[in-house]
């Protein structure tokens, strides 16, 4: 079942730009916006012209709405040109592979940190009203270079609210865990490797948070409705051990323990203890408010609700909600499994 966004009317007759918009999340954001709202324009800014071509083909019935910009978040001048006349920006562009970051650290800094600052500056300079930047669970108490660059990006977006001055621009962050079936994630990897009869496992006790693409897209869009500026929005999503996922996808496969990769965590964290006592529990999600004078705690006024206790943290191994096998099956069956019809048939019986 599709999630719903709070106020689709918020996006009616608006121009929304998505950096890195040809990825899995960008595809889903476009689908949700076209299905639920009536945006004036949806602009995609990314580096890969072939992926833009494929996206244009996928949504060829919406050419009056979709626009494509070739460009890189490292290029501030290009961003300023692309942001002209834009109301909302979703900043999804990033380098994301943990091992690659360890071997190419400054490339990640240039895209994830300097690129983030370019987005902030361009948004303020061109009068963009609201910006939601995508974070990651790896940004909370980071143990790898990728997580460190995303933590730095998060701090830049929070601080950006302090120097937007009299302009309307407000910036917030959405942080969530592993997206089921996204490019480079473990589920497509397991689906492919199950043909060999052996699934590589980093560690039998490793856990991860899980969220579907549709849930992630709707949570991002809901952020535009709730944001005042500077908040980090964290959804309450379930956890699952990676080995249990492997057993579900390849029940007859053997496991090969390959060890934890450089910079990889045993368990992921989305709210670190240092932020826990300042975190608001809003029922379906948490909000980490900024420690800045401009933020008026209006989220509390809306009745959403209580501050988490001192020492609170939100980690994948101590989660209240765990993915059952049936829940994960439904998540995976929502993916494009045309190459894995045998698995679909087995699970559907």
C-alpha atoms as a PDB file:
ATOM      1  CA  UNK A   1       0.000   0.000   0.000  1.00  0.00           C
ATOM      2  CA  UNK A   2       1.266   3.455  -0.881  1.00  0.00           C
ATOM      3  CA  UNK A   3       1.938   5.952   1.879  1.00  0.00           C
ATOM      4  CA  UNK A   4       0.333   9.371   1.577  1.00  0.00           C
ATOM      5  CA  UNK A   5       1.790  12.831   1.898  1.00  0.00           C
ATOM      6  CA  UNK A   6       0.169  15.165   4.426  1.00  0.00           C
ATOM      7  CA  UNK A   7      -0.737  18.061   2.147  1.00  0.00           C
ATOM      8  CA  UNK A   8      -0.350  17.314  -1.570  1.00  0.00           C
ATOM      9  CA  UNK A   9      -1.810  20.786  -2.177  1.00  0.00           C
ATOM     10  CA  UNK A  10       1.470  22.212  -0.863  1.00  0.00           C
ATOM     11  CA  UNK A  11       3.126  21.060  -4.103  1.00  0.00           C
ATOM     12  CA  UNK A  12       0.383  22.240  -6.470  1.00  0.00           C
ATOM     13  CA  UNK A  13       1.644  24.817  -8.976  1.00  0.00           C
ATOM     14  CA  UNK A  14       5.129  24.635  -7.421  1.00  0.00           C
ATOM     15  CA  UNK A  15       8.486  24.083  -9.048  1.00  0.00           C
ATOM     16  CA  UNK A  16      10.384  21.271  -7.329  1.00  0.00           C
ATOM     17  CA  UNK A  17      14.016  20.504  -8.168  1.00  0.00           C
ATOM     18  CA  UNK A  18      15.700  17.225  -7.206  1.00  0.00           C
ATOM     19  CA  UNK A  19      19.497  17.041  -7.214  1.00  0.00           C
ATOM     20  CA  UNK A  20      20.660  13.524  -8.061  1.00  0.00           C
ATOM     21  CA  UNK A  21      17.126  12.930  -9.238  1.00  0.00           C
ATOM     22  CA  UNK A  22      17.825  10.014 -11.607  1.00  0.00           C
ATOM     23  CA  UNK A  23      18.421   7.603  -8.711  1.00  0.00           C
ATOM     24  CA  UNK A  24      15.938   5.193  -7.140  1.00  0.00           C
ATOM     25  CA  UNK A  25      14.517   7.793  -4.773  1.00  0.00           C
ATOM     26  CA  UNK A  26      14.255  10.427  -7.501  1.00  0.00           C
ATOM     27  CA  UNK A  27      12.177   8.030  -9.598  1.00  0.00           C
ATOM     28  CA  UNK A  28       9.818   7.410  -6.692  1.00  0.00           C
ATOM     29  CA  UNK A  29       9.571  11.100  -5.772  1.00  0.00           C
ATOM     30  CA  UNK A  30       8.533  11.910  -9.334  1.00  0.00           C
ATOM     31  CA  UNK A  31       5.923   9.133  -9.286  1.00  0.00           C
ATOM     32  CA  UNK A  32       4.441  10.286  -5.964  1.00  0.00           C
ATOM     33  CA  UNK A  33       4.348  13.947  -6.982  1.00  0.00           C
ATOM     34  CA  UNK A  34       2.682  13.190 -10.313  1.00  0.00           C
ATOM     35  CA  UNK A  35       0.190  10.843  -8.666  1.00  0.00           C
ATOM     36  CA  UNK A  36      -0.744  12.925  -5.625  1.00  0.00           C
ATOM     37  CA  UNK A  37      -0.157  16.568  -6.581  1.00  0.00           C
ATOM     38  CA  UNK A  38      -0.185  18.968  -9.513  1.00  0.00           C
ATOM     39  CA  UNK A  39       3.300  20.501  -9.607  1.00  0.00           C
ATOM     40  CA  UNK A  40       4.049  23.204 -12.166  1.00  0.00           C
ATOM     41  CA  UNK A  41       7.477  21.734 -12.867  1.00  0.00           C
ATOM     42  CA  UNK A  42       9.662  18.915 -11.619  1.00  0.00           C
ATOM     43  CA  UNK A  43      13.305  19.586 -12.448  1.00  0.00           C
ATOM     44  CA  UNK A  44      16.003  16.909 -12.340  1.00  0.00           C
ATOM     45  CA  UNK A  45      19.629  17.959 -11.950  1.00  0.00           C
ATOM     46  CA  UNK A  46      22.219  15.201 -12.339  1.00  0.00           C
ATOM     47  CA  UNK A  47      25.433  14.291 -14.153  1.00  0.00           C
ATOM     48  CA  UNK A  48      24.401  11.266 -16.233  1.00  0.00           C
ATOM     49  CA  UNK A  49      22.691  12.140 -19.518  1.00  0.00           C
ATOM     50  CA  UNK A  50      21.812   8.496 -20.259  1.00  0.00           C
ATOM     51  CA  UNK A  51      19.939   8.114 -16.968  1.00  0.00           C
ATOM     52  CA  UNK A  52      18.145  11.357 -17.722  1.00  0.00           C
ATOM     53  CA  UNK A  53      17.166   9.968 -21.110  1.00  0.00           C
ATOM     54  CA  UNK A  54      15.842   6.769 -19.503  1.00  0.00           C
ATOM     55  CA  UNK A  55      13.891   8.797 -16.939  1.00  0.00           C
ATOM     56  CA  UNK A  56      12.412  10.971 -19.691  1.00  0.00           C
ATOM     57  CA  UNK A  57      11.308   7.820 -21.516  1.00  0.00           C
ATOM     58  CA  UNK A  58       9.733   6.406 -18.363  1.00  0.00           C
ATOM     59  CA  UNK A  59       7.694   9.566 -17.794  1.00  0.00           C
ATOM     60  CA  UNK A  60       7.214  10.534 -21.453  1.00  0.00           C
ATOM     61  CA  UNK A  61       3.534  11.298 -20.857  1.00  0.00           C
ATOM     62  CA  UNK A  62       4.540  14.141 -18.533  1.00  0.00           C
ATOM     63  CA  UNK A  63       6.885  16.149 -20.727  1.00  0.00           C
ATOM     64  CA  UNK A  64       4.944  19.331 -19.938  1.00  0.00           C
ATOM     65  CA  UNK A  65       6.017  19.001 -16.278  1.00  0.00           C
ATOM     66  CA  UNK A  66       9.457  17.366 -16.301  1.00  0.00           C
ATOM     67  CA  UNK A  67      12.638  19.307 -17.047  1.00  0.00           C
ATOM     68  CA  UNK A  68      16.227  18.040 -17.056  1.00  0.00           C
ATOM     69  CA  UNK A  69      19.463  19.858 -16.212  1.00  0.00           C
ATOM     70  CA  UNK A  70      22.887  18.319 -16.728  1.00  0.00           C
ATOM     71  CA  UNK A  71      25.077  19.540 -13.910  1.00  0.00           C
ATOM     72  CA  UNK A  72      27.024  18.741 -10.770  1.00  0.00           C
ATOM     73  CA  UNK A  73      26.506  20.011  -7.210  1.00  0.00           C
ATOM     74  CA  UNK A  74      30.236  20.826  -7.237  1.00  0.00           C
ATOM     75  CA  UNK A  75      29.436  23.615  -9.733  1.00  0.00           C
ATOM     76  CA  UNK A  76      27.804  26.497  -7.828  1.00  0.00           C
ATOM     77  CA  UNK A  77      27.211  28.596 -10.949  1.00  0.00           C
ATOM     78  CA  UNK A  78      25.281  25.771 -12.575  1.00  0.00           C
ATOM     79  CA  UNK A  79      23.207  25.337  -9.422  1.00  0.00           C
ATOM     80  CA  UNK A  80      22.316  29.022  -9.349  1.00  0.00           C
ATOM     81  CA  UNK A  81      21.114  28.874 -12.930  1.00  0.00           C
ATOM     82  CA  UNK A  82      19.089  25.705 -12.281  1.00  0.00           C
ATOM     83  CA  UNK A  83      17.542  27.050  -9.048  1.00  0.00           C
ATOM     84  CA  UNK A  84      16.106  30.194 -10.655  1.00  0.00           C
ATOM     85  CA  UNK A  85      12.324  30.203 -10.187  1.00  0.00           C
ATOM     86  CA  UNK A  86      12.383  27.030  -8.039  1.00  0.00           C
ATOM     87  CA  UNK A  87      10.184  26.866  -4.911  1.00  0.00           C
ATOM     88  CA  UNK A  88      11.398  23.641  -3.270  1.00  0.00           C
ATOM     89  CA  UNK A  89      14.656  21.686  -3.540  1.00  0.00           C
ATOM     90  CA  UNK A  90      15.228  18.053  -2.558  1.00  0.00           C
ATOM     91  CA  UNK A  91      18.962  17.502  -2.232  1.00  0.00           C
ATOM     92  CA  UNK A  92      19.551  13.817  -2.973  1.00  0.00           C
ATOM     93  CA  UNK A  93      22.867  14.014  -4.851  1.00  0.00           C
ATOM     94  CA  UNK A  94      25.710  12.274  -3.017  1.00  0.00           C
ATOM     95  CA  UNK A  95      28.495   9.735  -3.299  1.00  0.00           C
ATOM     96  CA  UNK A  96      27.396   6.860  -1.069  1.00  0.00           C
ATOM     97  CA  UNK A  97      29.493   3.703  -1.246  1.00  0.00           C
ATOM     98  CA  UNK A  98      31.314   3.130   2.056  1.00  0.00           C
ATOM     99  CA  UNK A  99      34.365   1.241   0.686  1.00  0.00           C
ATOM    100  CA  UNK A 100      34.765   3.729  -2.173  1.00  0.00           C
ATOM    101  CA  UNK A 101      34.837   6.604   0.317  1.00  0.00           C
ATOM    102  CA  UNK A 102      37.756   5.032   2.199  1.00  0.00           C
ATOM    103  CA  UNK A 103      39.853   4.942  -0.983  1.00  0.00           C
ATOM    104  CA  UNK A 104      38.638   8.221  -2.513  1.00  0.00           C
ATOM    105  CA  UNK A 105      38.070  10.432   0.523  1.00  0.00           C
ATOM    106  CA  UNK A 106      38.433  13.869  -1.005  1.00  0.00           C
ATOM    107  CA  UNK A 107      36.086  13.031  -3.889  1.00  0.00           C
ATOM    108  CA  UNK A 108      33.431  12.376  -1.244  1.00  0.00           C
ATOM    109  CA  UNK A 109      34.316  15.633   0.519  1.00  0.00           C
ATOM    110  CA  UNK A 110      33.973  17.585  -2.743  1.00  0.00           C
ATOM    111  CA  UNK A 111      30.530  16.157  -3.518  1.00  0.00           C
ATOM    112  CA  UNK A 112      28.983  15.520  -0.089  1.00  0.00           C
ATOM    113  CA  UNK A 113      30.400  18.506   1.820  1.00  0.00           C
ATOM    114  CA  UNK A 114      31.400  21.200  -0.654  1.00  0.00           C
ATOM    115  CA  UNK A 115      28.464  20.245  -2.871  1.00  0.00           C
ATOM    116  CA  UNK A 116      26.117  20.613   0.105  1.00  0.00           C
ATOM    117  CA  UNK A 117      27.415  24.106   0.792  1.00  0.00           C
ATOM    118  CA  UNK A 118      26.939  24.986  -2.866  1.00  0.00           C
ATOM    119  CA  UNK A 119      23.305  23.859  -2.679  1.00  0.00           C
ATOM    120  CA  UNK A 120      22.771  25.977   0.444  1.00  0.00           C
ATOM    121  CA  UNK A 121      24.368  29.075  -1.065  1.00  0.00           C
ATOM    122  CA  UNK A 122      22.548  28.713  -4.387  1.00  0.00           C
ATOM    123  CA  UNK A 123      19.194  28.179  -2.642  1.00  0.00           C
ATOM    124  CA  UNK A 124      19.612  31.302  -0.501  1.00  0.00           C
ATOM    125  CA  UNK A 125      20.921  33.428  -3.371  1.00  0.00           C
ATOM    126  CA  UNK A 126      18.056  32.491  -5.724  1.00  0.00           C
ATOM    127  CA  UNK A 127      15.258  32.689  -3.141  1.00  0.00           C
ATOM    128  CA  UNK A 128      14.306  28.997  -2.931  1.00  0.00           C
ATOM    129  CA  UNK A 129      11.692  28.768  -0.174  1.00  0.00           C
ATOM    130  CA  UNK A 130      12.375  25.331   1.294  1.00  0.00           C
ATOM    131  CA  UNK A 131      15.152  22.756   1.001  1.00  0.00           C
ATOM    132  CA  UNK A 132      15.085  19.205   2.360  1.00  0.00           C
ATOM    133  CA  UNK A 133      18.441  17.417   2.295  1.00  0.00           C
ATOM    134  CA  UNK A 134      18.775  13.647   2.489  1.00  0.00           C
ATOM    135  CA  UNK A 135      20.950  12.272   5.254  1.00  0.00           C
ATOM    136  CA  UNK A 136      21.735   8.700   6.290  1.00  0.00           C
ATOM    137  CA  UNK A 137      21.872   6.578   9.420  1.00  0.00           C
ATOM    138  CA  UNK A 138      25.634   6.497   8.897  1.00  0.00           C
ATOM    139  CA  UNK A 139      25.822  10.206   9.782  1.00  0.00           C
ATOM    140  CA  UNK A 140      25.006   9.525  13.456  1.00  0.00           C
ATOM    141  CA  UNK A 141      28.279   8.891  15.318  1.00  0.00           C
ATOM    142  CA  UNK A 142      30.006   8.068  12.007  1.00  0.00           C
ATOM    143  CA  UNK A 143      32.615   5.329  11.847  1.00  0.00           C
ATOM    144  CA  UNK A 144      33.499   5.810   8.182  1.00  0.00           C
ATOM    145  CA  UNK A 145      34.397   8.622   5.810  1.00  0.00           C
ATOM    146  CA  UNK A 146      31.049   8.527   4.023  1.00  0.00           C
ATOM    147  CA  UNK A 147      29.168   8.964   7.304  1.00  0.00           C
ATOM    148  CA  UNK A 148      31.520  11.756   8.355  1.00  0.00           C
ATOM    149  CA  UNK A 149      30.866  13.690   5.141  1.00  0.00           C
ATOM    150  CA  UNK A 150      27.109  13.321   5.597  1.00  0.00           C
ATOM    151  CA  UNK A 151      27.350  14.458   9.228  1.00  0.00           C
ATOM    152  CA  UNK A 152      29.218  17.541   8.024  1.00  0.00           C
ATOM    153  CA  UNK A 153      26.537  18.073   5.375  1.00  0.00           C
ATOM    154  CA  UNK A 154      23.804  17.827   8.020  1.00  0.00           C
ATOM    155  CA  UNK A 155      25.511  20.456  10.170  1.00  0.00           C
ATOM    156  CA  UNK A 156      25.906  22.756   7.180  1.00  0.00           C
ATOM    157  CA  UNK A 157      22.201  22.560   6.357  1.00  0.00           C
ATOM    158  CA  UNK A 158      21.204  23.227   9.968  1.00  0.00           C
ATOM    159  CA  UNK A 159      23.533  26.231  10.190  1.00  0.00           C
ATOM    160  CA  UNK A 160      22.373  27.509   6.814  1.00  0.00           C
ATOM    161  CA  UNK A 161      19.174  28.702   8.480  1.00  0.00           C
ATOM    162  CA  UNK A 162      21.174  31.157  10.581  1.00  0.00           C
ATOM    163  CA  UNK A 163      22.645  33.045   7.666  1.00  0.00           C
ATOM    164  CA  UNK A 164      19.740  33.087   5.240  1.00  0.00           C
ATOM    165  CA  UNK A 165      18.996  36.470   6.833  1.00  0.00           C
ATOM    166  CA  UNK A 166      15.717  38.105   5.859  1.00  0.00           C
ATOM    167  CA  UNK A 167      15.258  35.715   2.947  1.00  0.00           C
ATOM    168  CA  UNK A 168      12.524  33.060   3.089  1.00  0.00           C
ATOM    169  CA  UNK A 169      14.858  30.105   2.572  1.00  0.00           C
ATOM    170  CA  UNK A 170      14.520  27.378   5.199  1.00  0.00           C
ATOM    171  CA  UNK A 171      16.548  24.168   5.221  1.00  0.00           C
ATOM    172  CA  UNK A 172      15.907  20.844   6.994  1.00  0.00           C
ATOM    173  CA  UNK A 173      17.168  17.266   6.861  1.00  0.00           C
ATOM    174  CA  UNK A 174      15.576  13.830   6.529  1.00  0.00           C
ATOM    175  CA  UNK A 175      17.571  10.883   7.878  1.00  0.00           C
ATOM    176  CA  UNK A 176      16.578   7.261   7.319  1.00  0.00           C
ATOM    177  CA  UNK A 177      18.052   3.764   6.954  1.00  0.00           C
ATOM    178  CA  UNK A 178      18.544   1.242   4.153  1.00  0.00           C
ATOM    179  CA  UNK A 179      16.055   1.518   1.302  1.00  0.00           C
ATOM    180  CA  UNK A 180      14.681  -1.851   0.222  1.00  0.00           C
ATOM    181  CA  UNK A 181      15.839  -2.572  -3.314  1.00  0.00           C
ATOM    182  CA  UNK A 182      17.696   0.683  -3.953  1.00  0.00           C
ATOM    183  CA  UNK A 183      20.691   0.635  -6.265  1.00  0.00           C
ATOM    184  CA  UNK A 184      23.710  -0.905  -4.557  1.00  0.00           C
ATOM    185  CA  UNK A 185      21.714  -2.279  -1.607  1.00  0.00           C
ATOM    186  CA  UNK A 186      22.028  -5.791  -0.241  1.00  0.00           C
ATOM    187  CA  UNK A 187      18.642  -7.104  -1.458  1.00  0.00           C
ATOM    188  CA  UNK A 188      19.375  -6.929  -5.216  1.00  0.00           C
ATOM    189  CA  UNK A 189      22.831  -8.322  -4.375  1.00  0.00           C
ATOM    190  CA  UNK A 190      21.345 -11.314  -2.531  1.00  0.00           C
ATOM    191  CA  UNK A 191      18.757 -11.851  -5.279  1.00  0.00           C
ATOM    192  CA  UNK A 192      21.540 -12.128  -7.832  1.00  0.00           C
ATOM    193  CA  UNK A 193      23.937 -14.182  -5.712  1.00  0.00           C
ATOM    194  CA  UNK A 194      21.317 -16.733  -4.684  1.00  0.00           C
ATOM    195  CA  UNK A 195      21.801 -18.292  -8.134  1.00  0.00           C
ATOM    196  CA  UNK A 196      25.279 -19.399  -7.020  1.00  0.00           C
ATOM    197  CA  UNK A 197      23.994 -21.139  -3.892  1.00  0.00           C
ATOM    198  CA  UNK A 198      26.244 -19.066  -1.620  1.00  0.00           C
ATOM    199  CA  UNK A 199      25.409 -15.750   0.085  1.00  0.00           C
ATOM    200  CA  UNK A 200      28.249 -13.682   1.581  1.00  0.00           C
ATOM    201  CA  UNK A 201      27.483 -12.531   5.154  1.00  0.00           C
ATOM    202  CA  UNK A 202      29.582  -9.865   6.850  1.00  0.00           C
ATOM    203  CA  UNK A 203      28.587 -10.868  10.403  1.00  0.00           C
ATOM    204  CA  UNK A 204      25.729 -13.087  11.676  1.00  0.00           C
ATOM    205  CA  UNK A 205      24.592 -10.485  14.250  1.00  0.00           C
ATOM    206  CA  UNK A 206      24.620  -7.423  11.977  1.00  0.00           C
ATOM    207  CA  UNK A 207      21.351  -5.443  11.924  1.00  0.00           C
ATOM    208  CA  UNK A 208      20.015  -2.692   9.700  1.00  0.00           C
ATOM    209  CA  UNK A 209      17.010  -0.342   9.544  1.00  0.00           C
ATOM    210  CA  UNK A 210      14.701  -0.900   6.545  1.00  0.00           C
ATOM    211  CA  UNK A 211      12.356   1.429   4.665  1.00  0.00           C
ATOM    212  CA  UNK A 212      10.618   1.082   1.312  1.00  0.00           C
ATOM    213  CA  UNK A 213      11.187   3.528  -1.521  1.00  0.00           C
ATOM    214  CA  UNK A 214       7.607   4.756  -1.304  1.00  0.00           C
ATOM    215  CA  UNK A 215       7.845   5.292   2.452  1.00  0.00           C
ATOM    216  CA  UNK A 216      11.123   7.168   2.016  1.00  0.00           C
ATOM    217  CA  UNK A 217       9.732   9.406  -0.735  1.00  0.00           C
ATOM    218  CA  UNK A 218       6.595  10.262   1.224  1.00  0.00           C
ATOM    219  CA  UNK A 219       8.593  10.937   4.390  1.00  0.00           C
ATOM    220  CA  UNK A 220      10.788  13.373   2.452  1.00  0.00           C
ATOM    221  CA  UNK A 221       7.737  15.179   1.056  1.00  0.00           C
ATOM    222  CA  UNK A 222       6.087  15.272   4.475  1.00  0.00           C
ATOM    223  CA  UNK A 223       9.172  17.104   5.723  1.00  0.00           C
ATOM    224  CA  UNK A 224       8.229  20.097   3.572  1.00  0.00           C
ATOM    225  CA  UNK A 225       4.896  20.261   5.378  1.00  0.00           C
ATOM    226  CA  UNK A 226       6.324  20.009   8.904  1.00  0.00           C
ATOM    227  CA  UNK A 227       9.605  21.903   8.643  1.00  0.00           C
ATOM    228  CA  UNK A 228      10.380  25.192  10.319  1.00  0.00           C
ATOM    229  CA  UNK A 229      14.072  24.977   9.424  1.00  0.00           C
ATOM    230  CA  UNK A 230      17.047  23.179  10.938  1.00  0.00           C
ATOM    231  CA  UNK A 231      15.271  20.021  12.084  1.00  0.00           C
ATOM    232  CA  UNK A 232      16.449  16.481  11.389  1.00  0.00           C
ATOM    233  CA  UNK A 233      13.430  14.250  10.751  1.00  0.00           C
ATOM    234  CA  UNK A 234      13.915  10.553  11.565  1.00  0.00           C
ATOM    235  CA  UNK A 235      11.185   7.986  10.736  1.00  0.00           C
ATOM    236  CA  UNK A 236      10.379   5.109  13.065  1.00  0.00           C
ATOM    237  CA  UNK A 237      11.153   2.144  10.830  1.00  0.00           C
ATOM    238  CA  UNK A 238      11.775  -1.544  11.552  1.00  0.00           C
ATOM    239  CA  UNK A 239      15.041  -3.456  11.854  1.00  0.00           C
ATOM    240  CA  UNK A 240      16.130  -6.862  10.631  1.00  0.00           C
ATOM    241  CA  UNK A 241      19.259  -8.954  10.964  1.00  0.00           C
ATOM    242  CA  UNK A 242      21.060  -9.245   7.647  1.00  0.00           C
ATOM    243  CA  UNK A 243      21.430 -13.005   8.138  1.00  0.00           C
ATOM    244  CA  UNK A 244      17.634 -13.345   8.540  1.00  0.00           C
ATOM    245  CA  UNK A 245      17.202 -11.473   5.278  1.00  0.00           C
ATOM    246  CA  UNK A 246      19.654 -13.866   3.634  1.00  0.00           C
ATOM    247  CA  UNK A 247      17.727 -16.866   4.977  1.00  0.00           C
ATOM    248  CA  UNK A 248      14.514 -15.408   3.579  1.00  0.00           C
ATOM    249  CA  UNK A 249      15.846 -14.723   0.085  1.00  0.00           C
ATOM    250  CA  UNK A 250      18.037 -17.826  -0.194  1.00  0.00           C
ATOM    251  CA  UNK A 251      16.693 -20.439   2.237  1.00  0.00           C
ATOM    252  CA  UNK A 252      18.724 -23.186   0.565  1.00  0.00           C
ATOM    253  CA  UNK A 253      21.901 -21.152   0.204  1.00  0.00           C
ATOM    254  CA  UNK A 254      25.046 -21.624   2.239  1.00  0.00           C
ATOM    255  CA  UNK A 255      26.508 -18.638   4.075  1.00  0.00           C
ATOM    256  CA  UNK A 256      30.056 -17.443   3.665  1.00  0.00           C
ATOM    257  CA  UNK A 257      31.208 -15.186   6.513  1.00  0.00           C
ATOM    258  CA  UNK A 258      33.352 -12.528   4.826  1.00  0.00           C
ATOM    259  CA  UNK A 259      33.853 -10.093   7.721  1.00  0.00           C
ATOM    260  CA  UNK A 260      32.884  -6.477   8.243  1.00  0.00           C
ATOM    261  CA  UNK A 261      34.173  -4.093   5.571  1.00  0.00           C
ATOM    262  CA  UNK A 262      36.392  -1.126   6.436  1.00  0.00           C
ATOM    263  CA  UNK A 263      34.336   1.567   8.153  1.00  0.00           C
ATOM    264  CA  UNK A 264      31.200  -0.583   8.380  1.00  0.00           C
ATOM    265  CA  UNK A 265      29.126  -0.693  11.583  1.00  0.00           C
ATOM    266  CA  UNK A 266      27.691  -3.789  13.222  1.00  0.00           C
ATOM    267  CA  UNK A 267      24.473  -1.873  13.984  1.00  0.00           C
ATOM    268  CA  UNK A 268      23.242   1.410  12.569  1.00  0.00           C
ATOM    269  CA  UNK A 269      22.192   4.475  14.554  1.00  0.00           C
ATOM    270  CA  UNK A 270      19.851   7.289  13.572  1.00  0.00           C
ATOM    271  CA  UNK A 271      19.721   9.249  16.830  1.00  0.00           C
ATOM    272  CA  UNK A 272      22.968   9.375  18.813  1.00  0.00           C
ATOM    273  CA  UNK A 273      22.908   9.650  22.648  1.00  0.00           C
ATOM    274  CA  UNK A 274      24.356  13.163  22.508  1.00  0.00           C
ATOM    275  CA  UNK A 275      21.208  14.298  20.640  1.00  0.00           C
ATOM    276  CA  UNK A 276      18.826  11.975  22.479  1.00  0.00           C
ATOM    277  CA  UNK A 277      17.824  14.287  25.315  1.00  0.00           C
ATOM    278  CA  UNK A 278      16.998  17.020  22.792  1.00  0.00           C
ATOM    279  CA  UNK A 279      14.974  14.724  20.520  1.00  0.00           C
ATOM    280  CA  UNK A 280      11.195  14.948  20.203  1.00  0.00           C
ATOM    281  CA  UNK A 281       9.097  11.779  19.934  1.00  0.00           C
ATOM    282  CA  UNK A 282       6.344  12.660  17.470  1.00  0.00           C
ATOM    283  CA  UNK A 283       4.616   9.279  17.371  1.00  0.00           C
ATOM    284  CA  UNK A 284       5.434   8.087  13.871  1.00  0.00           C
ATOM    285  CA  UNK A 285       8.850   9.743  13.814  1.00  0.00           C
ATOM    286  CA  UNK A 286      11.483  11.619  15.798  1.00  0.00           C
ATOM    287  CA  UNK A 287      12.587  15.204  15.340  1.00  0.00           C
ATOM    288  CA  UNK A 288      16.053  16.376  16.357  1.00  0.00           C
ATOM    289  CA  UNK A 289      15.578  20.158  16.655  1.00  0.00           C
ATOM    290  CA  UNK A 290      18.459  22.548  16.078  1.00  0.00           C
ATOM    291  CA  UNK A 291      20.159  24.198  19.023  1.00  0.00           C
ATOM    292  CA  UNK A 292      19.631  27.596  17.445  1.00  0.00           C
ATOM    293  CA  UNK A 293      17.777  30.616  18.782  1.00  0.00           C
ATOM    294  CA  UNK A 294      15.475  31.023  15.776  1.00  0.00           C
ATOM    295  CA  UNK A 295      13.793  27.640  16.291  1.00  0.00           C
ATOM    296  CA  UNK A 296      10.663  28.185  18.369  1.00  0.00           C
ATOM    297  CA  UNK A 297       9.710  24.572  19.157  1.00  0.00           C
ATOM    298  CA  UNK A 298       6.454  25.005  17.246  1.00  0.00           C
ATOM    299  CA  UNK A 299       6.486  21.232  16.712  1.00  0.00           C
ATOM    300  CA  UNK A 300       5.631  20.862  20.405  1.00  0.00           C
ATOM    301  CA  UNK A 301       2.857  23.423  20.052  1.00  0.00           C
ATOM    302  CA  UNK A 302       1.296  21.240  17.359  1.00  0.00           C
ATOM    303  CA  UNK A 303       0.820  18.579  20.025  1.00  0.00           C
ATOM    304  CA  UNK A 304       3.206  16.061  18.576  1.00  0.00           C
ATOM    305  CA  UNK A 305       4.776  15.460  21.784  1.00  0.00           C
ATOM    306  CA  UNK A 306       7.329  14.594  24.321  1.00  0.00           C
ATOM    307  CA  UNK A 307      11.045  14.975  24.686  1.00  0.00           C
ATOM    308  CA  UNK A 308      13.014  11.721  24.783  1.00  0.00           C
ATOM    309  CA  UNK A 309      14.797  10.877  28.053  1.00  0.00           C
ATOM    310  CA  UNK A 310      18.465  11.573  28.692  1.00  0.00           C
ATOM    311  CA  UNK A 311      20.655   8.894  27.153  1.00  0.00           C
ATOM    312  CA  UNK A 312      18.083   8.018  24.493  1.00  0.00           C
ATOM    313  CA  UNK A 313      19.450   6.672  21.227  1.00  0.00           C
ATOM    314  CA  UNK A 314      17.789   5.037  18.250  1.00  0.00           C
ATOM    315  CA  UNK A 315      19.761   2.045  16.982  1.00  0.00           C
ATOM    316  CA  UNK A 316      18.926  -0.897  14.726  1.00  0.00           C
ATOM    317  CA  UNK A 317      19.787  -3.524  17.364  1.00  0.00           C
ATOM    318  CA  UNK A 318      17.582  -2.007  20.100  1.00  0.00           C
ATOM    319  CA  UNK A 319      14.581  -1.186  17.980  1.00  0.00           C
ATOM    320  CA  UNK A 320      11.029  -1.803  19.200  1.00  0.00           C
ATOM    321  CA  UNK A 321       9.879  -2.818  15.720  1.00  0.00           C
ATOM    322  CA  UNK A 322      11.430  -5.706  13.798  1.00  0.00           C
ATOM    323  CA  UNK A 323      10.593  -6.773  10.264  1.00  0.00           C
ATOM    324  CA  UNK A 324       8.765 -10.088  10.170  1.00  0.00           C
ATOM    325  CA  UNK A 325       9.457 -12.467   7.276  1.00  0.00           C
ATOM    326  CA  UNK A 326       6.004 -11.713   5.849  1.00  0.00           C
ATOM    327  CA  UNK A 327       6.589  -7.959   6.016  1.00  0.00           C
ATOM    328  CA  UNK A 328       9.917  -8.272   4.236  1.00  0.00           C
ATOM    329  CA  UNK A 329       8.371 -10.516   1.599  1.00  0.00           C
ATOM    330  CA  UNK A 330       5.807  -7.824   0.850  1.00  0.00           C
ATOM    331  CA  UNK A 331       8.569  -5.205   0.628  1.00  0.00           C
ATOM    332  CA  UNK A 332      10.622  -7.316  -1.773  1.00  0.00           C
ATOM    333  CA  UNK A 333       7.606  -8.346  -3.868  1.00  0.00           C
ATOM    334  CA  UNK A 334       6.929  -4.665  -4.533  1.00  0.00           C
ATOM    335  CA  UNK A 335      10.259  -4.507  -6.360  1.00  0.00           C
ATOM    336  CA  UNK A 336      10.793  -5.295 -10.030  1.00  0.00           C
ATOM    337  CA  UNK A 337      11.460  -9.027  -9.794  1.00  0.00           C
ATOM    338  CA  UNK A 338      10.972  -9.935 -13.426  1.00  0.00           C
ATOM    339  CA  UNK A 339      14.274 -11.821 -13.297  1.00  0.00           C
ATOM    340  CA  UNK A 340      13.252 -13.659 -10.125  1.00  0.00           C
ATOM    341  CA  UNK A 341       9.819 -15.037 -10.892  1.00  0.00           C
ATOM    342  CA  UNK A 342      10.724 -18.294  -9.157  1.00  0.00           C
ATOM    343  CA  UNK A 343      11.060 -16.438  -5.865  1.00  0.00           C
ATOM    344  CA  UNK A 344       7.809 -14.560  -6.459  1.00  0.00           C
ATOM    345  CA  UNK A 345       5.977 -17.832  -7.136  1.00  0.00           C
ATOM    346  CA  UNK A 346       7.454 -19.535  -4.076  1.00  0.00           C
ATOM    347  CA  UNK A 347       6.475 -16.665  -1.785  1.00  0.00           C
ATOM    348  CA  UNK A 348       3.017 -16.310  -3.294  1.00  0.00           C
ATOM    349  CA  UNK A 349       2.027 -19.889  -2.593  1.00  0.00           C
END
